[in-house]
N, C-alpha and C. Protein backbone atom coordinates (compact mmCIF):
# COMPACT_ATOMS: atom_id res chain seq x y z
N UNK A 1 0.93 -0.53 0.55
CA UNK A 1 -0.34 0.22 0.26
C UNK A 1 1.02 1.75 0.26
N UNK A 2 1.18 2.34 -0.29
CA UNK A 2 2.33 3.25 -0.53
C UNK A 2 0.47 4.24 -0.30
N UNK A 3 0.92 5.46 0.58
CA UNK A 3 0.29 6.18 1.19
C UNK A 3 0.06 7.84 0.38
N UNK A 4 -1.04 7.77 1.16
CA UNK A 4 -1.86 9.49 0.10
C UNK A 4 -1.62 10.20 -0.02
N UNK A 5 -0.24 10.92 1.34
CA UNK A 5 -0.33 12.15 1.80
C UNK A 5 0.04 13.39 0.70
N UNK A 6 0.65 12.60 -1.07
CA UNK A 6 0.91 13.22 -1.58
C UNK A 6 -0.38 14.01 -2.94
N UNK A 7 -1.13 13.11 -1.73
CA UNK A 7 -2.99 13.63 -2.76
C UNK A 7 -3.41 15.34 -2.39
N UNK A 8 -1.91 16.19 -1.23
CA UNK A 8 -3.11 16.92 -1.13
C UNK A 8 -2.02 17.70 -1.27
N UNK A 9 -0.77 17.83 -2.16
CA UNK A 9 -0.20 19.02 -3.74
C UNK A 9 -0.74 19.87 -4.21
N UNK A 10 -0.14 20.07 -4.43
CA UNK A 10 -0.35 21.14 -5.95
C UNK A 10 -1.02 19.95 -7.52
N UNK A 11 0.32 19.25 -6.95
CA UNK A 11 0.24 18.37 -8.23
C UNK A 11 -1.11 17.02 -8.36
N UNK A 12 -1.38 16.76 -6.83
CA UNK A 12 -2.23 15.99 -6.34
C UNK A 12 -3.68 16.21 -6.04
N UNK A 13 -4.16 16.84 -6.06
CA UNK A 13 -5.16 18.49 -6.23
C UNK A 13 -5.38 18.82 -7.09
N UNK A 14 -5.04 19.09 -8.31
CA UNK A 14 -4.93 19.38 -9.81
C UNK A 14 -5.31 17.69 -10.25
N UNK A 15 -4.91 16.79 -10.26
CA UNK A 15 -5.82 15.82 -10.07
C UNK A 15 -6.76 15.03 -10.51
N UNK A 16 -6.62 14.96 -8.81
CA UNK A 16 -8.51 14.81 -8.31
C UNK A 16 -9.00 15.58 -8.49
N UNK A 17 -8.71 16.65 -8.73
CA UNK A 17 -9.99 18.22 -9.27
C UNK A 17 -10.01 17.80 -10.62
N UNK A 18 -9.29 17.08 -12.30
CA UNK A 18 -9.78 17.28 -13.20
C UNK A 18 -10.82 15.84 -13.85
N UNK A 19 -9.85 14.42 -12.48
CA UNK A 19 -11.27 13.53 -12.35
C UNK A 19 -11.98 13.86 -11.74
N UNK A 20 -11.97 14.46 -11.40
CA UNK A 20 -14.05 14.93 -11.52
C UNK A 20 -13.92 15.73 -11.86
N UNK A 21 -13.50 16.36 -12.56
CA UNK A 21 -14.41 17.03 -13.95
C UNK A 21 -14.45 16.00 -15.14
N UNK A 22 -13.94 15.22 -15.36
CA UNK A 22 -13.61 14.03 -16.33
C UNK A 22 -14.84 13.20 -15.76
N UNK A 23 -15.30 13.20 -14.55
CA UNK A 23 -16.60 11.22 -13.89
C UNK A 23 -17.73 13.00 -14.18
N UNK A 24 -17.85 14.03 -13.85
CA UNK A 24 -19.56 15.10 -14.63
C UNK A 24 -19.56 14.79 -15.01
N UNK A 25 -18.53 14.83 -16.38
CA UNK A 25 -18.77 14.84 -18.01
C UNK A 25 -19.19 14.49 -18.44
N UNK A 26 -19.31 12.72 -17.88
CA UNK A 26 -18.59 11.11 -18.01
C UNK A 26 -17.98 10.54 -18.86
N UNK A 27 -17.49 11.31 -18.97
CA UNK A 27 -15.76 10.19 -20.01
C UNK A 27 -15.45 9.70 -19.41
N UNK A 28 -14.83 9.14 -18.34
CA UNK A 28 -14.37 8.45 -17.50
C UNK A 28 -16.03 7.91 -16.32
N UNK A 29 -15.09 6.67 -15.74
CA UNK A 29 -15.88 6.51 -14.52
C UNK A 29 -15.51 5.70 -13.68
N UNK A 30 -16.11 6.58 -12.21
CA UNK A 30 -15.16 7.16 -11.16
C UNK A 30 -14.69 6.04 -9.93
N UNK A 31 -14.92 4.30 -10.82
CA UNK A 31 -13.79 2.95 -10.78
C UNK A 31 -13.08 3.58 -11.06
N UNK A 32 -12.33 4.31 -12.49
CA UNK A 32 -11.35 3.90 -13.45
C UNK A 32 -10.76 5.54 -12.78
N UNK A 33 -11.72 6.50 -12.38
CA UNK A 33 -10.37 7.54 -11.38
C UNK A 33 -9.52 7.34 -10.46
N UNK A 34 -10.94 6.47 -8.93
CA UNK A 34 -10.00 5.73 -8.13
C UNK A 34 -8.70 5.09 -8.38
N UNK A 35 -8.83 3.94 -9.16
CA UNK A 35 -7.64 2.81 -10.55
C UNK A 35 -6.91 4.11 -11.00
N UNK A 36 -6.85 5.56 -11.18
CA UNK A 36 -5.57 6.38 -11.72
C UNK A 36 -5.40 6.98 -9.71
N UNK A 37 -5.92 6.57 -9.21
CA UNK A 37 -5.17 8.06 -8.45
C UNK A 37 -4.45 7.39 -7.52
N UNK A 38 -5.00 5.45 -7.49
CA UNK A 38 -4.32 4.26 -6.33
C UNK A 38 -3.23 3.84 -6.92
N UNK A 39 -2.87 4.88 -8.48
CA UNK A 39 -2.10 4.84 -9.33
C UNK A 39 -0.60 5.90 -8.97
N UNK A 40 -1.53 6.61 -9.42
CA UNK A 40 -1.00 8.42 -9.21
C UNK A 40 0.66 7.69 -7.39
N UNK A 41 -0.66 7.24 -5.85
CA UNK A 41 -0.29 7.49 -5.03
C UNK A 41 1.17 6.49 -5.20
N UNK A 42 1.32 5.23 -5.61
CA UNK A 42 1.54 3.63 -5.57
C UNK A 42 3.05 5.52 -6.89
N UNK A 43 3.00 5.30 -7.26
CA UNK A 43 3.91 5.76 -8.56
C UNK A 43 4.88 7.82 -7.62
N UNK A 44 3.69 7.34 -6.93
CA UNK A 44 4.69 9.22 -6.38
C UNK A 44 5.89 9.20 -4.91
N UNK A 45 4.69 7.76 -4.84
CA UNK A 45 5.96 6.97 -3.49
C UNK A 45 7.22 6.83 -4.40
N UNK A 46 7.15 5.59 -5.41
CA UNK A 46 8.37 5.40 -5.55
C UNK A 46 9.43 6.05 -5.50
N UNK A 47 8.77 7.39 -6.95
CA UNK A 47 9.72 8.14 -8.07
C UNK A 47 11.16 8.50 -6.26
N UNK A 48 9.85 9.36 -5.29
CA UNK A 48 10.66 10.08 -4.25
C UNK A 48 11.32 9.40 -3.23
N UNK A 49 10.88 7.90 -2.80
CA UNK A 49 12.46 7.48 -2.23
C UNK A 49 13.22 7.16 -2.77
N UNK A 50 13.39 7.64 -4.48
CA UNK A 50 15.38 6.99 -4.35
C UNK A 50 15.74 8.77 -4.63
N UNK A 51 14.20 9.62 -4.54
CA UNK A 51 15.12 11.19 -4.84
C UNK A 51 14.57 11.85 -3.26
N UNK A 52 14.77 11.88 -2.51
CA UNK A 52 14.95 12.67 -0.90
C UNK A 52 14.01 11.91 0.60
N UNK A 53 15.29 12.23 1.12
CA UNK A 53 15.53 11.10 1.83
C UNK A 53 15.29 11.61 3.93
N UNK A 54 14.63 11.31 4.41
CA UNK A 54 14.14 12.32 5.42
C UNK A 54 14.92 11.76 6.66
N UNK A 55 15.92 12.07 7.58
CA UNK A 55 16.09 10.99 8.84
C UNK A 55 16.91 12.00 9.90
N UNK A 56 16.09 12.26 11.22
CA UNK A 56 16.62 12.72 11.68
C UNK A 56 16.85 14.12 11.49
N UNK A 57 15.59 14.83 11.11
CA UNK A 57 15.13 16.48 10.61
C UNK A 57 16.33 16.82 9.99
N UNK A 58 16.65 16.06 9.09
CA UNK A 58 17.45 16.19 7.96
C UNK A 58 16.94 15.47 6.73
N UNK A 59 16.30 17.00 5.72
CA UNK A 59 16.00 16.69 4.44
C UNK A 59 17.24 16.49 3.45
N UNK A 60 17.49 14.88 2.59
CA UNK A 60 17.65 15.20 2.06
C UNK A 60 17.30 15.44 0.32
N UNK A 61 17.92 15.47 -0.89
CA UNK A 61 17.48 15.45 -1.83
C UNK A 61 18.29 15.13 -2.94
N UNK A 62 18.22 14.27 -3.60
CA UNK A 62 19.36 14.25 -5.06
C UNK A 62 18.37 14.82 -5.93
N UNK A 63 19.07 15.17 -7.58
CA UNK A 63 17.99 15.75 -8.29
C UNK A 63 18.87 15.46 -9.19
N UNK A 64 18.66 15.60 -10.89
CA UNK A 64 19.26 15.09 -11.54
C UNK A 64 18.76 16.26 -12.75
N UNK A 65 20.01 16.91 -13.82
CA UNK A 65 20.36 17.37 -14.95
C UNK A 65 18.92 18.52 -14.36
N UNK A 66 20.25 19.63 -13.58
CA UNK A 66 19.40 20.70 -13.06
C UNK A 66 19.75 22.03 -13.80
N UNK A 67 19.06 23.29 -13.38
CA UNK A 67 20.12 24.42 -14.16
C UNK A 67 19.17 25.57 -12.74
N UNK A 68 20.76 26.22 -12.55
CA UNK A 68 20.08 27.23 -11.50
C UNK A 68 19.98 28.01 -12.38
N UNK A 69 19.17 29.34 -12.03
CA UNK A 69 19.31 30.61 -13.32
C UNK A 69 18.84 31.25 -12.10
N UNK A 70 19.68 32.96 -12.29
CA UNK A 70 19.68 33.90 -12.18
C UNK A 70 19.81 35.33 -12.64
N UNK A 71 18.64 36.24 -13.30
CA UNK A 71 18.27 36.30 -14.44
C UNK A 71 19.19 35.95 -15.11
N UNK A 72 20.23 36.84 -15.49
CA UNK A 72 20.66 37.15 -17.37
C UNK A 72 21.55 35.24 -17.14
N UNK A 73 22.08 34.78 -16.25
CA UNK A 73 22.70 33.87 -15.91
C UNK A 73 22.64 31.97 -15.97
N UNK A 74 22.94 31.47 -16.55
CA UNK A 74 22.13 29.73 -16.01
C UNK A 74 23.55 29.07 -16.64
N UNK A 75 23.79 28.21 -15.19
CA UNK A 75 24.07 27.32 -14.78
C UNK A 75 23.75 25.65 -14.85
N UNK A 76 23.67 24.74 -15.96
CA UNK A 76 23.73 23.54 -15.59
C UNK A 76 24.71 22.25 -15.08
N UNK A 77 24.15 21.47 -14.06
CA UNK A 77 24.88 20.69 -13.53
C UNK A 77 24.35 19.32 -14.31
N UNK A 78 25.09 17.81 -13.94
CA UNK A 78 24.44 16.70 -14.37
C UNK A 78 23.84 16.39 -12.94
N UNK A 79 24.49 16.23 -11.32
CA UNK A 79 23.75 16.42 -9.80
C UNK A 79 24.10 17.33 -9.37
N UNK A 80 22.38 17.45 -8.24
CA UNK A 80 23.50 18.16 -7.21
C UNK A 80 22.02 17.44 -5.78
N UNK A 81 23.21 18.03 -4.80
CA UNK A 81 22.72 16.63 -3.97
C UNK A 81 22.45 18.17 -2.49
N UNK A 82 21.23 17.70 -2.29
CA UNK A 82 20.50 19.31 -1.33
C UNK A 82 20.48 19.19 -0.22
N UNK A 83 21.18 19.51 0.75
CA UNK A 83 21.14 18.91 2.22
C UNK A 83 20.05 20.26 3.54
N UNK A 84 19.02 19.83 4.38
CA UNK A 84 18.71 20.95 4.20
C UNK A 84 19.00 20.33 5.76
N UNK A 85 18.36 21.41 6.60
CA UNK A 85 17.73 20.55 7.99
C UNK A 85 16.72 21.87 9.21
N UNK A 86 16.53 21.48 9.81
CA UNK A 86 15.45 22.42 10.85
C UNK A 86 16.77 23.56 11.94
N UNK A 87 16.00 25.01 11.35
CA UNK A 87 17.18 25.67 12.09
C UNK A 87 16.69 26.23 13.96
N UNK A 88 16.62 25.36 13.67
CA UNK A 88 16.06 25.43 15.80
C UNK A 88 17.55 25.31 15.96
């Protein structure tokens, strides 16, 4: 079973709104919408498990093919590791 907490993100909410609209217009069934949401839960959890880690109040993000932009400047890198912790 996958956690459903990512349904409350912008992408999760937008997906749910889109599915509700498709149901309302009769383009998909409620059962199909549930299957889509379950697949979303599974996919987002799987993707983030290899890209984000949280341990002892420290977040670690592993990113690939990153662009940093500042006004006119762009720096491209293959991999970035971001480590963030609570500032308390």
